[in-house]
Amino acid sequence: MSVFADLAAINCADGGTGSKQSIARGFGGASRTYDSASRLQKSMGDTMLARIPAELNPGIVFDLGCGTGWFTRRLAARYPDAGITGADLAPGMLAQAKAAGSDAVTWLNADAEQLPLADQSVDLIFSNLMIQWSPRPEAVLAECQRVLKPGGLLAVSSLLDGTLGELKQAWANADPGQAHVNRFATHKDWRALTADSLPGSELEVGTIVLPYDSPMALNRELKHLGAVFKGEERRRTVTAPGRFRAMCRAYPHGDDGECLATYQAGWLYWRKPEL
């Protein structure tokens, strides 16, 4: 069974929308700390921005999974004559985005699997590190395909299998048989999904390694992002301090005590064919 199917099954077991509500609450609760912790998110979003053709002159821009609006505001600055909308599932994130202020942006609380947008109404969809949290990524891509105008551009980033491998192994040593790290789709699964739904799309992959002072600093950053473990098999009680200490001892350290965390990144680009 693929990760996509696993996540869909989890969502159904959680009452259909329960998983989405949990994700929205988790990210909304991290809205005030998100920007200070989002090194990875900013790096991957910058990569996507740089990849958008300079000659593109969109009239309507849609930031899907906008979070605190960091990149929504950058898109508004880059395309001052365009209509800009930032959309997110988490009301808490949108409240933080609105508080940051931008008269040029419309903010929308929306489910990426059911966008309240007309067919062929958007020129550019920008979605940075959102789709990996969706239990039905194929539905998200179908919606993007539906709302894009002919000739419109879709740019999506996601995390792939192998992300946080060091943390996963450390927890496996400290707490065998208990999952602690989010699962992500494999490169092969992503290739298959995008080939079926978006023929002619480009999928670029890369590895990003970030340094941390300690495993606890990594754990703290994940909490500040709202990106803690979200699997249905997670413990419903607080993890015992002894297990955290065991995980920290098992985590690989450099000679200077520094810890590294590996993220497997994927970027998808697709131009909707002209009629």
C-alpha atoms as a PDB file:
ATOM      1  CA  MET A   1       0.000   0.000   0.000  1.00  0.00           C
ATOM      2  CA  SER A   2       1.374   3.441  -0.873  1.00  0.00           C
ATOM      3  CA  VAL A   3       1.745   6.296   1.612  1.00  0.00           C
ATOM      4  CA  PHE A   4      -1.115   8.045  -0.228  1.00  0.00           C
ATOM      5  CA  ALA A   5      -3.421   5.108   0.473  1.00  0.00           C
ATOM      6  CA  ASP A   6      -2.205   4.845   4.080  1.00  0.00           C
ATOM      7  CA  LEU A   7      -3.034   8.497   4.726  1.00  0.00           C
ATOM      8  CA  ALA A   8      -6.432   8.201   3.079  1.00  0.00           C
ATOM      9  CA  ALA A   9      -7.225   5.246   5.329  1.00  0.00           C
ATOM     10  CA  ILE A  10      -6.157   7.229   8.390  1.00  0.00           C
ATOM     11  CA  ASN A  11      -8.418  10.094   7.383  1.00  0.00           C
ATOM     12  CA  CYS A  12     -11.405   7.778   6.925  1.00  0.00           C
ATOM     13  CA  ALA A  13     -10.722   6.144  10.291  1.00  0.00           C
ATOM     14  CA  ASP A  14     -10.715   9.583  11.866  1.00  0.00           C
ATOM     15  CA  GLY A  15     -14.221  10.332  10.725  1.00  0.00           C
ATOM     16  CA  GLY A  16     -13.475  11.860   7.340  1.00  0.00           C
ATOM     17  CA  THR A  17     -12.780  15.457   8.298  1.00  0.00           C
ATOM     18  CA  GLY A  18     -11.349  14.802  11.749  1.00  0.00           C
ATOM     19  CA  SER A  19      -7.800  14.510  10.505  1.00  0.00           C
ATOM     20  CA  LYS A  20      -8.081  17.805   8.619  1.00  0.00           C
ATOM     21  CA  GLN A  21      -9.466  19.528  11.698  1.00  0.00           C
ATOM     22  CA  SER A  22      -6.591  18.166  13.772  1.00  0.00           C
ATOM     23  CA  ILE A  23      -4.051  19.389  11.224  1.00  0.00           C
ATOM     24  CA  ALA A  24      -5.716  22.820  11.098  1.00  0.00           C
ATOM     25  CA  ARG A  25      -5.634  23.105  14.890  1.00  0.00           C
ATOM     26  CA  GLY A  26      -2.024  21.975  15.060  1.00  0.00           C
ATOM     27  CA  PHE A  27      -0.751  24.480  12.535  1.00  0.00           C
ATOM     28  CA  GLY A  28      -3.061  27.227  13.776  1.00  0.00           C
ATOM     29  CA  GLY A  29      -1.687  26.773  17.270  1.00  0.00           C
ATOM     30  CA  ALA A  30       1.838  27.335  15.933  1.00  0.00           C
ATOM     31  CA  SER A  31       0.971  30.484  13.955  1.00  0.00           C
ATOM     32  CA  ARG A  32       2.853  32.889  16.243  1.00  0.00           C
ATOM     33  CA  THR A  33       6.080  30.854  16.267  1.00  0.00           C
ATOM     34  CA  TYR A  34       5.966  29.593  12.679  1.00  0.00           C
ATOM     35  CA  ASP A  35       7.900  32.326  10.886  1.00  0.00           C
ATOM     36  CA  SER A  36      10.787  32.262  13.366  1.00  0.00           C
ATOM     37  CA  ALA A  37      11.198  28.498  12.876  1.00  0.00           C
ATOM     38  CA  SER A  38      10.564  28.173   9.130  1.00  0.00           C
ATOM     39  CA  ARG A  39      14.122  27.902   7.774  1.00  0.00           C
ATOM     40  CA  LEU A  40      13.243  24.935   5.582  1.00  0.00           C
ATOM     41  CA  GLN A  41       9.968  26.428   4.390  1.00  0.00           C
ATOM     42  CA  LYS A  42      11.633  29.694   3.350  1.00  0.00           C
ATOM     43  CA  SER A  43      14.451  27.887   1.570  1.00  0.00           C
ATOM     44  CA  MET A  44      12.119  25.649  -0.424  1.00  0.00           C
ATOM     45  CA  GLY A  45       9.748  28.502  -1.248  1.00  0.00           C
ATOM     46  CA  ASP A  46      12.651  30.648  -2.441  1.00  0.00           C
ATOM     47  CA  THR A  47      13.663  27.836  -4.774  1.00  0.00           C
ATOM     48  CA  MET A  48      10.170  27.819  -6.287  1.00  0.00           C
ATOM     49  CA  LEU A  49      10.031  31.590  -6.657  1.00  0.00           C
ATOM     50  CA  ALA A  50      13.346  31.578  -8.503  1.00  0.00           C
ATOM     51  CA  ARG A  51      12.030  28.886 -10.846  1.00  0.00           C
ATOM     52  CA  ILE A  52       8.949  30.859 -11.978  1.00  0.00           C
ATOM     53  CA  PRO A  53       9.704  32.284 -15.447  1.00  0.00           C
ATOM     54  CA  ALA A  54      10.512  35.988 -15.389  1.00  0.00           C
ATOM     55  CA  GLU A  55       8.249  36.583 -18.366  1.00  0.00           C
ATOM     56  CA  LEU A  56       5.185  35.238 -16.522  1.00  0.00           C
ATOM     57  CA  ASN A  57       2.728  38.070 -15.939  1.00  0.00           C
ATOM     58  CA  PRO A  58      -0.198  36.548 -14.036  1.00  0.00           C
ATOM     59  CA  GLY A  59      -3.427  38.418 -13.519  1.00  0.00           C
ATOM     60  CA  ILE A  60      -4.630  36.133 -10.693  1.00  0.00           C
ATOM     61  CA  VAL A  61      -2.229  34.501  -8.193  1.00  0.00           C
ATOM     62  CA  PHE A  62      -3.263  31.889  -5.628  1.00  0.00           C
ATOM     63  CA  ASP A  63      -1.047  30.897  -2.683  1.00  0.00           C
ATOM     64  CA  LEU A  64      -2.435  27.514  -1.610  1.00  0.00           C
ATOM     65  CA  GLY A  65      -1.562  26.644   1.982  1.00  0.00           C
ATOM     66  CA  CYS A  66      -0.320  30.169   2.604  1.00  0.00           C
ATOM     67  CA  GLY A  67       0.255  29.768   6.343  1.00  0.00           C
ATOM     68  CA  THR A  68       1.272  33.096   7.847  1.00  0.00           C
ATOM     69  CA  GLY A  69       1.388  34.682   4.400  1.00  0.00           C
ATOM     70  CA  TRP A  70       5.174  34.978   4.148  1.00  0.00           C
ATOM     71  CA  PHE A  71       5.238  34.050   0.470  1.00  0.00           C
ATOM     72  CA  THR A  72       1.815  35.543  -0.255  1.00  0.00           C
ATOM     73  CA  ARG A  73       3.254  38.939   0.545  1.00  0.00           C
ATOM     74  CA  ARG A  74       6.318  38.238  -1.585  1.00  0.00           C
ATOM     75  CA  LEU A  75       4.089  37.240  -4.481  1.00  0.00           C
ATOM     76  CA  ALA A  76       2.105  40.457  -4.014  1.00  0.00           C
ATOM     77  CA  ALA A  77       5.324  42.472  -4.157  1.00  0.00           C
ATOM     78  CA  ARG A  78       6.498  40.611  -7.253  1.00  0.00           C
ATOM     79  CA  TYR A  79       3.165  40.978  -9.066  1.00  0.00           C
ATOM     80  CA  PRO A  80       1.779  44.331  -7.869  1.00  0.00           C
ATOM     81  CA  ASP A  81      -0.876  44.481 -10.599  1.00  0.00           C
ATOM     82  CA  ALA A  82      -2.234  40.979  -9.956  1.00  0.00           C
ATOM     83  CA  GLY A  83      -5.116  39.860  -7.776  1.00  0.00           C
ATOM     84  CA  ILE A  84      -3.504  37.914  -4.912  1.00  0.00           C
ATOM     85  CA  THR A  85      -5.265  35.382  -2.685  1.00  0.00           C
ATOM     86  CA  GLY A  86      -3.738  33.457   0.196  1.00  0.00           C
ATOM     87  CA  ALA A  87      -5.697  30.365   1.255  1.00  0.00           C
ATOM     88  CA  ASP A  88      -5.217  28.059   4.227  1.00  0.00           C
ATOM     89  CA  LEU A  89      -7.139  25.389   6.107  1.00  0.00           C
ATOM     90  CA  ALA A  90      -6.082  26.783   9.507  1.00  0.00           C
ATOM     91  CA  PRO A  91      -7.983  29.863  10.725  1.00  0.00           C
ATOM     92  CA  GLY A  92      -5.160  30.559  13.182  1.00  0.00           C
ATOM     93  CA  MET A  93      -2.643  30.858  10.362  1.00  0.00           C
ATOM     94  CA  LEU A  94      -4.936  33.214   8.443  1.00  0.00           C
ATOM     95  CA  ALA A  95      -5.419  35.388  11.521  1.00  0.00           C
ATOM     96  CA  GLN A  96      -1.638  35.720  11.801  1.00  0.00           C
ATOM     97  CA  ALA A  97      -1.389  36.471   8.067  1.00  0.00           C
ATOM     98  CA  LYS A  98      -3.994  39.207   8.335  1.00  0.00           C
ATOM     99  CA  ALA A  99      -2.267  40.692  11.385  1.00  0.00           C
ATOM    100  CA  ALA A 100       0.969  41.022   9.391  1.00  0.00           C
ATOM    101  CA  GLY A 101      -0.960  43.371   7.109  1.00  0.00           C
ATOM    102  CA  SER A 102      -1.260  43.592   3.353  1.00  0.00           C
ATOM    103  CA  ASP A 103      -4.068  45.476   1.644  1.00  0.00           C
ATOM    104  CA  ALA A 104      -3.106  43.827  -1.637  1.00  0.00           C
ATOM    105  CA  VAL A 105      -4.074  40.313  -0.474  1.00  0.00           C
ATOM    106  CA  THR A 106      -7.395  38.517  -0.050  1.00  0.00           C
ATOM    107  CA  TRP A 107      -7.315  35.826   2.634  1.00  0.00           C
ATOM    108  CA  LEU A 108      -9.442  32.696   2.262  1.00  0.00           C
ATOM    109  CA  ASN A 109     -10.172  29.830   4.651  1.00  0.00           C
ATOM    110  CA  ALA A 110     -10.400  26.850   2.290  1.00  0.00           C
ATOM    111  CA  ASP A 111      -9.858  23.118   1.937  1.00  0.00           C
ATOM    112  CA  ALA A 112      -7.331  22.408  -0.829  1.00  0.00           C
ATOM    113  CA  GLU A 113      -9.351  19.362  -1.890  1.00  0.00           C
ATOM    114  CA  GLN A 114     -12.481  21.479  -2.506  1.00  0.00           C
ATOM    115  CA  LEU A 115     -11.465  24.964  -3.604  1.00  0.00           C
ATOM    116  CA  PRO A 116     -14.235  27.595  -3.745  1.00  0.00           C
ATOM    117  CA  LEU A 117     -12.919  28.886  -7.064  1.00  0.00           C
ATOM    118  CA  ALA A 118     -14.357  28.898 -10.569  1.00  0.00           C
ATOM    119  CA  ASP A 119     -12.974  26.683 -13.298  1.00  0.00           C
ATOM    120  CA  GLN A 120     -10.052  28.206 -15.212  1.00  0.00           C
ATOM    121  CA  SER A 121      -9.867  31.290 -12.996  1.00  0.00           C
ATOM    122  CA  VAL A 122      -6.216  31.388 -11.828  1.00  0.00           C
ATOM    123  CA  ASP A 123      -2.969  32.125 -13.698  1.00  0.00           C
ATOM    124  CA  LEU A 124      -0.448  31.018 -11.049  1.00  0.00           C
ATOM    125  CA  ILE A 125      -0.824  28.576  -8.154  1.00  0.00           C
ATOM    126  CA  PHE A 126       2.011  28.608  -5.626  1.00  0.00           C
ATOM    127  CA  SER A 127       1.888  25.957  -2.896  1.00  0.00           C
ATOM    128  CA  ASN A 128       4.831  25.578  -0.541  1.00  0.00           C
ATOM    129  CA  LEU A 129       5.042  22.528   1.754  1.00  0.00           C
ATOM    130  CA  MET A 130       1.304  22.026   2.122  1.00  0.00           C
ATOM    131  CA  ILE A 131       0.367  19.042  -0.009  1.00  0.00           C
ATOM    132  CA  GLN A 132       2.260  16.468   2.083  1.00  0.00           C
ATOM    133  CA  TRP A 133      -0.289  17.028   4.863  1.00  0.00           C
ATOM    134  CA  SER A 134      -3.254  16.228   2.607  1.00  0.00           C
ATOM    135  CA  PRO A 135      -4.703  12.702   2.856  1.00  0.00           C
ATOM    136  CA  ARG A 136      -5.723  12.986  -0.817  1.00  0.00           C
ATOM    137  CA  PRO A 137      -2.963  14.731  -2.761  1.00  0.00           C
ATOM    138  CA  GLU A 138      -4.488  13.520  -6.003  1.00  0.00           C
ATOM    139  CA  ALA A 139      -7.617  15.554  -5.157  1.00  0.00           C
ATOM    140  CA  VAL A 140      -5.490  18.650  -4.478  1.00  0.00           C
ATOM    141  CA  LEU A 141      -3.758  18.322  -7.840  1.00  0.00           C
ATOM    142  CA  ALA A 142      -7.099  17.747  -9.584  1.00  0.00           C
ATOM    143  CA  GLU A 143      -8.448  20.954  -8.049  1.00  0.00           C
ATOM    144  CA  CYS A 144      -5.351  22.864  -9.127  1.00  0.00           C
ATOM    145  CA  GLN A 145      -5.777  21.501 -12.628  1.00  0.00           C
ATOM    146  CA  ARG A 146      -9.444  22.549 -12.614  1.00  0.00           C
ATOM    147  CA  VAL A 147      -8.949  26.152 -11.478  1.00  0.00           C
ATOM    148  CA  LEU A 148      -5.858  26.912 -13.581  1.00  0.00           C
ATOM    149  CA  LYS A 149      -6.401  28.810 -16.799  1.00  0.00           C
ATOM    150  CA  PRO A 150      -4.957  27.314 -19.992  1.00  0.00           C
ATOM    151  CA  GLY A 151      -1.310  28.329 -20.006  1.00  0.00           C
ATOM    152  CA  GLY A 152      -1.368  28.798 -16.220  1.00  0.00           C
ATOM    153  CA  LEU A 153       1.495  27.602 -14.006  1.00  0.00           C
ATOM    154  CA  LEU A 154       1.390  25.310 -10.968  1.00  0.00           C
ATOM    155  CA  ALA A 155       4.358  25.280  -8.582  1.00  0.00           C
ATOM    156  CA  VAL A 156       4.218  22.869  -5.623  1.00  0.00           C
ATOM    157  CA  SER A 157       6.805  21.776  -3.078  1.00  0.00           C
ATOM    158  CA  SER A 158       6.603  18.754  -0.801  1.00  0.00           C
ATOM    159  CA  LEU A 159       8.677  16.602   1.518  1.00  0.00           C
ATOM    160  CA  LEU A 160       9.514  13.061   0.453  1.00  0.00           C
ATOM    161  CA  ASP A 161      10.402   9.775   2.104  1.00  0.00           C
ATOM    162  CA  GLY A 162      13.740   9.897   3.923  1.00  0.00           C
ATOM    163  CA  THR A 163      12.980  13.225   5.571  1.00  0.00           C
ATOM    164  CA  LEU A 164      14.179  13.296   9.194  1.00  0.00           C
ATOM    165  CA  GLY A 165      15.807   9.912   8.797  1.00  0.00           C
ATOM    166  CA  GLU A 166      18.212  10.620  11.661  1.00  0.00           C
ATOM    167  CA  LEU A 167      15.332  11.406  14.011  1.00  0.00           C
ATOM    168  CA  LYS A 168      13.402   8.328  12.900  1.00  0.00           C
ATOM    169  CA  GLN A 169      16.386   6.048  13.579  1.00  0.00           C
ATOM    170  CA  ALA A 170      17.075   7.652  16.958  1.00  0.00           C
ATOM    171  CA  TRP A 171      13.474   7.082  18.030  1.00  0.00           C
ATOM    172  CA  ALA A 172      13.587   3.505  16.703  1.00  0.00           C
ATOM    173  CA  ASN A 173      16.518   2.870  19.048  1.00  0.00           C
ATOM    174  CA  ALA A 174      14.947   4.689  21.989  1.00  0.00           C
ATOM    175  CA  ASP A 175      11.361   3.470  21.640  1.00  0.00           C
ATOM    176  CA  PRO A 176      11.219   0.378  19.374  1.00  0.00           C
ATOM    177  CA  GLY A 177       7.966  -0.305  17.581  1.00  0.00           C
ATOM    178  CA  GLN A 178       6.454   3.114  18.270  1.00  0.00           C
ATOM    179  CA  ALA A 179       6.218   5.655  15.446  1.00  0.00           C
ATOM    180  CA  HIS A 180       7.359   9.215  16.244  1.00  0.00           C
ATOM    181  CA  VAL A 181       8.126  10.739  12.830  1.00  0.00           C
ATOM    182  CA  ASN A 182       5.717  11.685  10.034  1.00  0.00           C
ATOM    183  CA  ARG A 183       5.731   9.516   6.927  1.00  0.00           C
ATOM    184  CA  PHE A 184       6.030  11.056   3.486  1.00  0.00           C
ATOM    185  CA  ALA A 185       5.491   9.743  -0.022  1.00  0.00           C
ATOM    186  CA  THR A 186       8.359   8.099  -1.844  1.00  0.00           C
ATOM    187  CA  HIS A 187       9.918   9.622  -4.925  1.00  0.00           C
ATOM    188  CA  LYS A 188       8.441   6.726  -6.917  1.00  0.00           C
ATOM    189  CA  ASP A 189       4.913   7.399  -5.594  1.00  0.00           C
ATOM    190  CA  TRP A 190       5.209  11.086  -6.465  1.00  0.00           C
ATOM    191  CA  ARG A 191       6.437  10.288  -9.960  1.00  0.00           C
ATOM    192  CA  ALA A 192       3.489   7.970 -10.503  1.00  0.00           C
ATOM    193  CA  LEU A 193       0.937  10.410  -9.107  1.00  0.00           C
ATOM    194  CA  THR A 194       2.111  13.394 -11.106  1.00  0.00           C
ATOM    195  CA  ALA A 195       2.578  11.405 -14.302  1.00  0.00           C
ATOM    196  CA  ASP A 196      -1.045  10.263 -14.110  1.00  0.00           C
ATOM    197  CA  SER A 197      -2.659  13.548 -13.113  1.00  0.00           C
ATOM    198  CA  LEU A 198      -0.366  16.156 -14.670  1.00  0.00           C
ATOM    199  CA  PRO A 199       1.228  14.757 -17.832  1.00  0.00           C
ATOM    200  CA  GLY A 200       4.285  16.691 -18.889  1.00  0.00           C
ATOM    201  CA  SER A 201       4.968  18.000 -15.379  1.00  0.00           C
ATOM    202  CA  GLU A 202       8.514  18.382 -14.060  1.00  0.00           C
ATOM    203  CA  LEU A 203       9.522  16.930 -10.704  1.00  0.00           C
ATOM    204  CA  GLU A 204      12.802  18.101  -9.237  1.00  0.00           C
ATOM    205  CA  VAL A 205      14.265  16.564  -6.095  1.00  0.00           C
ATOM    206  CA  GLY A 206      17.026  17.564  -3.736  1.00  0.00           C
ATOM    207  CA  THR A 207      18.430  17.035  -0.259  1.00  0.00           C
ATOM    208  CA  ILE A 208      18.542  19.824   2.316  1.00  0.00           C
ATOM    209  CA  VAL A 209      20.564  19.364   5.510  1.00  0.00           C
ATOM    210  CA  LEU A 210      20.031  21.740   8.428  1.00  0.00           C
ATOM    211  CA  PRO A 211      22.175  22.001  11.580  1.00  0.00           C
ATOM    212  CA  TYR A 212      20.786  21.985  15.126  1.00  0.00           C
ATOM    213  CA  ASP A 213      22.421  22.491  18.499  1.00  0.00           C
ATOM    214  CA  SER A 214      20.767  19.329  19.803  1.00  0.00           C
ATOM    215  CA  PRO A 215      17.971  16.845  19.066  1.00  0.00           C
ATOM    216  CA  MET A 216      15.784  18.813  21.466  1.00  0.00           C
ATOM    217  CA  ALA A 217      16.388  21.942  19.380  1.00  0.00           C
ATOM    218  CA  LEU A 218      15.123  20.017  16.344  1.00  0.00           C
ATOM    219  CA  ASN A 219      12.079  18.828  18.306  1.00  0.00           C
ATOM    220  CA  ARG A 220      11.415  22.394  19.469  1.00  0.00           C
ATOM    221  CA  GLU A 221      11.578  23.698  15.885  1.00  0.00           C
ATOM    222  CA  LEU A 222       9.082  21.071  14.730  1.00  0.00           C
ATOM    223  CA  LYS A 223       6.724  22.121  17.526  1.00  0.00           C
ATOM    224  CA  HIS A 224       7.097  25.796  16.605  1.00  0.00           C
ATOM    225  CA  LEU A 225       6.151  24.885  13.038  1.00  0.00           C
ATOM    226  CA  GLY A 226       3.161  22.776  14.072  1.00  0.00           C
ATOM    227  CA  ALA A 227       4.846  19.883  12.234  1.00  0.00           C
ATOM    228  CA  VAL A 228       4.948  17.390  15.090  1.00  0.00           C
ATOM    229  CA  PHE A 229       4.055  13.749  14.444  1.00  0.00           C
ATOM    230  CA  LYS A 230       0.467  13.550  13.176  1.00  0.00           C
ATOM    231  CA  GLY A 231       0.046   9.822  12.523  1.00  0.00           C
ATOM    232  CA  GLU A 232      -3.000   7.987  13.851  1.00  0.00           C
ATOM    233  CA  GLU A 233      -0.648   5.572  15.668  1.00  0.00           C
ATOM    234  CA  ARG A 234       0.859   8.328  17.812  1.00  0.00           C
ATOM    235  CA  ARG A 235       0.648   8.003  21.588  1.00  0.00           C
ATOM    236  CA  ARG A 236      -2.252   9.874  23.184  1.00  0.00           C
ATOM    237  CA  THR A 237      -0.195  10.579  26.294  1.00  0.00           C
ATOM    238  CA  VAL A 238       2.890  12.730  26.746  1.00  0.00           C
ATOM    239  CA  THR A 239       6.104  10.910  25.866  1.00  0.00           C
ATOM    240  CA  ALA A 240       8.034  10.104  29.033  1.00  0.00           C
ATOM    241  CA  PRO A 241      11.146  12.246  29.676  1.00  0.00           C
ATOM    242  CA  GLY A 242      13.260   9.107  29.827  1.00  0.00           C
ATOM    243  CA  ARG A 243      12.356   8.239  26.242  1.00  0.00           C
ATOM    244  CA  PHE A 244      13.310  11.733  25.090  1.00  0.00           C
ATOM    245  CA  ARG A 245      16.672  11.415  26.812  1.00  0.00           C
ATOM    246  CA  ALA A 246      17.219   8.019  25.199  1.00  0.00           C
ATOM    247  CA  MET A 247      16.364   9.480  21.791  1.00  0.00           C
ATOM    248  CA  CYS A 248      18.837  12.320  22.326  1.00  0.00           C
ATOM    249  CA  ARG A 249      21.602   9.853  23.209  1.00  0.00           C
ATOM    250  CA  ALA A 250      20.827   7.777  20.095  1.00  0.00           C
ATOM    251  CA  TYR A 251      20.790  10.760  17.728  1.00  0.00           C
ATOM    252  CA  PRO A 252      24.044  11.075  15.740  1.00  0.00           C
ATOM    253  CA  HIS A 253      26.234  13.997  16.840  1.00  0.00           C
ATOM    254  CA  GLY A 254      29.204  15.592  15.139  1.00  0.00           C
ATOM    255  CA  ASP A 255      32.571  16.036  16.844  1.00  0.00           C
ATOM    256  CA  ASP A 256      31.474  19.537  17.885  1.00  0.00           C
ATOM    257  CA  GLY A 257      28.211  18.221  19.337  1.00  0.00           C
ATOM    258  CA  GLU A 258      26.157  19.598  16.457  1.00  0.00           C
ATOM    259  CA  CYS A 259      23.271  17.541  15.062  1.00  0.00           C
ATOM    260  CA  LEU A 260      22.226  17.435  11.424  1.00  0.00           C
ATOM    261  CA  ALA A 261      18.722  16.759  10.086  1.00  0.00           C
ATOM    262  CA  THR A 262      18.128  15.670   6.506  1.00  0.00           C
ATOM    263  CA  TYR A 263      15.093  16.722   4.487  1.00  0.00           C
ATOM    264  CA  GLN A 264      14.249  15.136   1.141  1.00  0.00           C
ATOM    265  CA  ALA A 265      12.633  17.859  -0.960  1.00  0.00           C
ATOM    266  CA  GLY A 266      10.502  17.693  -4.084  1.00  0.00           C
ATOM    267  CA  TRP A 267       9.373  20.514  -6.372  1.00  0.00           C
ATOM    268  CA  LEU A 268       6.642  20.055  -8.968  1.00  0.00           C
ATOM    269  CA  TYR A 269       6.133  22.425 -11.913  1.00  0.00           C
ATOM    270  CA  TRP A 270       3.352  22.103 -14.446  1.00  0.00           C
ATOM    271  CA  ARG A 271       2.092  24.368 -17.213  1.00  0.00           C
ATOM    272  CA  LYS A 272      -1.521  23.734 -18.185  1.00  0.00           C
ATOM    273  CA  PRO A 273      -1.744  23.198 -21.927  1.00  0.00           C
ATOM    274  CA  GLU A 274      -3.239  25.973 -24.015  1.00  0.00           C
ATOM    275  CA  LEU A 275      -6.590  25.225 -25.615  1.00  0.00           C
END
